[in-house]
Amino acid sequence: MANNAVHGDGKYKFGDKLATEDRVVLMISGSVSLLLFAFGLAFAMIALMRMKQHGRKGILGHALAGLMINGVIIGLMATLAILSLLQ
């Protein structure tokens, strides 16, 4: 079993390293998250554009919710990235 634990200060430890010390893992997980949110945003836009062919029923609400949720999350991620670069 792996030596994974949560310390009292809330930091995760994977093996011998703290998760905050392993920048490569953080960059990969952040990039994958951003990619998934970007795909969600793109698929929501595609669903909105295809409504004429398939009708509004059952598509409009889900597409708008996906567009708003993914847009807000990507906006927050971009804001946090810019703020962290300015420090």
C-alpha atoms as a PDB file:
ATOM      1  CA  MET A   1       0.000   0.000   0.000  1.00  0.00           C
ATOM      2  CA  ALA A   2       1.264   3.481  -0.816  1.00  0.00           C
ATOM      3  CA  ASN A   3       2.490   5.838   1.861  1.00  0.00           C
ATOM      4  CA  ASN A   4      -0.158   8.523   1.248  1.00  0.00           C
ATOM      5  CA  ALA A   5      -1.344  10.604   4.176  1.00  0.00           C
ATOM      6  CA  VAL A   6      -2.847  13.937   5.109  1.00  0.00           C
ATOM      7  CA  HIS A   7      -0.809  15.949   7.579  1.00  0.00           C
ATOM      8  CA  GLY A   8      -2.320  18.071  10.333  1.00  0.00           C
ATOM      9  CA  ASP A   9      -1.768  21.234   8.286  1.00  0.00           C
ATOM     10  CA  GLY A  10      -3.936  19.856   5.443  1.00  0.00           C
ATOM     11  CA  LYS A  11      -1.068  19.065   3.061  1.00  0.00           C
ATOM     12  CA  TYR A  12      -1.100  15.771   1.212  1.00  0.00           C
ATOM     13  CA  LYS A  13       1.977  13.585   1.232  1.00  0.00           C
ATOM     14  CA  PHE A  14       2.649  11.140  -1.603  1.00  0.00           C
ATOM     15  CA  GLY A  15       5.557   8.863  -0.791  1.00  0.00           C
ATOM     16  CA  ASP A  16       8.384  11.058   0.435  1.00  0.00           C
ATOM     17  CA  LYS A  17       7.216  14.345  -1.137  1.00  0.00           C
ATOM     18  CA  LEU A  18       4.516  16.804  -0.255  1.00  0.00           C
ATOM     19  CA  ALA A  19       2.063  17.333  -3.121  1.00  0.00           C
ATOM     20  CA  THR A  20       2.778  21.067  -3.095  1.00  0.00           C
ATOM     21  CA  GLU A  21       6.456  20.363  -3.747  1.00  0.00           C
ATOM     22  CA  ASP A  22       5.904  18.283  -6.877  1.00  0.00           C
ATOM     23  CA  ARG A  23       5.225  20.961  -9.493  1.00  0.00           C
ATOM     24  CA  VAL A  24       5.112  18.547 -12.419  1.00  0.00           C
ATOM     25  CA  VAL A  25       2.181  16.642 -10.922  1.00  0.00           C
ATOM     26  CA  LEU A  26       0.382  19.888 -10.161  1.00  0.00           C
ATOM     27  CA  MET A  27       0.951  21.183 -13.704  1.00  0.00           C
ATOM     28  CA  ILE A  28      -0.322  17.954 -15.261  1.00  0.00           C
ATOM     29  CA  SER A  29      -3.434  17.791 -13.070  1.00  0.00           C
ATOM     30  CA  GLY A  30      -4.163  21.481 -13.674  1.00  0.00           C
ATOM     31  CA  SER A  31      -3.739  21.073 -17.423  1.00  0.00           C
ATOM     32  CA  VAL A  32      -6.007  18.029 -17.524  1.00  0.00           C
ATOM     33  CA  SER A  33      -8.648  19.889 -15.498  1.00  0.00           C
ATOM     34  CA  LEU A  34      -8.468  22.905 -17.786  1.00  0.00           C
ATOM     35  CA  LEU A  35      -8.724  20.657 -20.843  1.00  0.00           C
ATOM     36  CA  LEU A  36     -11.830  18.931 -19.460  1.00  0.00           C
ATOM     37  CA  PHE A  37     -13.504  22.264 -18.683  1.00  0.00           C
ATOM     38  CA  ALA A  38     -12.597  23.564 -22.155  1.00  0.00           C
ATOM     39  CA  PHE A  39     -14.163  20.468 -23.747  1.00  0.00           C
ATOM     40  CA  GLY A  40     -17.291  21.009 -21.634  1.00  0.00           C
ATOM     41  CA  LEU A  41     -17.467  24.608 -22.802  1.00  0.00           C
ATOM     42  CA  ALA A  42     -17.001  23.573 -26.446  1.00  0.00           C
ATOM     43  CA  PHE A  43     -19.620  20.825 -26.232  1.00  0.00           C
ATOM     44  CA  ALA A  44     -22.106  23.246 -24.656  1.00  0.00           C
ATOM     45  CA  MET A  45     -21.578  25.653 -27.558  1.00  0.00           C
ATOM     46  CA  ILE A  46     -21.992  22.829 -30.058  1.00  0.00           C
ATOM     47  CA  ALA A  47     -25.242  21.786 -28.368  1.00  0.00           C
ATOM     48  CA  LEU A  48     -26.563  25.345 -28.580  1.00  0.00           C
ATOM     49  CA  MET A  49     -25.684  25.551 -32.274  1.00  0.00           C
ATOM     50  CA  ARG A  50     -27.360  22.202 -33.048  1.00  0.00           C
ATOM     51  CA  MET A  51     -30.676  23.116 -31.394  1.00  0.00           C
ATOM     52  CA  LYS A  52     -32.221  24.069 -34.745  1.00  0.00           C
ATOM     53  CA  GLN A  53     -31.771  20.514 -35.996  1.00  0.00           C
ATOM     54  CA  HIS A  54     -32.935  18.682 -32.871  1.00  0.00           C
ATOM     55  CA  GLY A  55     -35.287  21.131 -31.139  1.00  0.00           C
ATOM     56  CA  ARG A  56     -35.034  22.995 -27.848  1.00  0.00           C
ATOM     57  CA  LYS A  57     -36.651  20.430 -25.582  1.00  0.00           C
ATOM     58  CA  GLY A  58     -34.092  18.909 -23.218  1.00  0.00           C
ATOM     59  CA  ILE A  59     -31.137  20.678 -24.831  1.00  0.00           C
ATOM     60  CA  LEU A  60     -31.384  24.386 -24.044  1.00  0.00           C
ATOM     61  CA  GLY A  61     -31.275  24.126 -20.255  1.00  0.00           C
ATOM     62  CA  HIS A  62     -28.430  21.637 -20.160  1.00  0.00           C
ATOM     63  CA  ALA A  63     -26.418  23.528 -22.762  1.00  0.00           C
ATOM     64  CA  LEU A  64     -26.829  26.864 -20.967  1.00  0.00           C
ATOM     65  CA  ALA A  65     -25.945  25.314 -17.610  1.00  0.00           C
ATOM     66  CA  GLY A  66     -22.844  23.674 -19.083  1.00  0.00           C
ATOM     67  CA  LEU A  67     -21.854  26.910 -20.776  1.00  0.00           C
ATOM     68  CA  MET A  68     -22.231  28.978 -17.601  1.00  0.00           C
ATOM     69  CA  ILE A  69     -20.631  26.497 -15.197  1.00  0.00           C
ATOM     70  CA  ASN A  70     -17.645  25.733 -17.417  1.00  0.00           C
ATOM     71  CA  GLY A  71     -17.250  29.408 -18.355  1.00  0.00           C
ATOM     72  CA  VAL A  72     -17.195  30.497 -14.713  1.00  0.00           C
ATOM     73  CA  ILE A  73     -14.701  27.792 -13.740  1.00  0.00           C
ATOM     74  CA  ILE A  74     -12.386  28.612 -16.656  1.00  0.00           C
ATOM     75  CA  GLY A  75     -12.661  32.308 -15.779  1.00  0.00           C
ATOM     76  CA  LEU A  76     -11.742  31.606 -12.154  1.00  0.00           C
ATOM     77  CA  MET A  77      -8.830  29.425 -13.201  1.00  0.00           C
ATOM     78  CA  ALA A  78      -7.561  32.136 -15.564  1.00  0.00           C
ATOM     79  CA  THR A  79      -7.922  34.811 -12.877  1.00  0.00           C
ATOM     80  CA  LEU A  80      -6.035  32.705 -10.324  1.00  0.00           C
ATOM     81  CA  ALA A  81      -3.308  31.908 -12.860  1.00  0.00           C
ATOM     82  CA  ILE A  82      -2.834  35.583 -13.694  1.00  0.00           C
ATOM     83  CA  LEU A  83      -2.794  36.572 -10.023  1.00  0.00           C
ATOM     84  CA  SER A  84      -0.230  33.895  -9.207  1.00  0.00           C
ATOM     85  CA  LEU A  85       2.004  35.059 -12.065  1.00  0.00           C
ATOM     86  CA  LEU A  86       1.869  38.659 -10.830  1.00  0.00           C
ATOM     87  CA  GLN A  87       3.187  37.721  -7.375  1.00  0.00           C
END
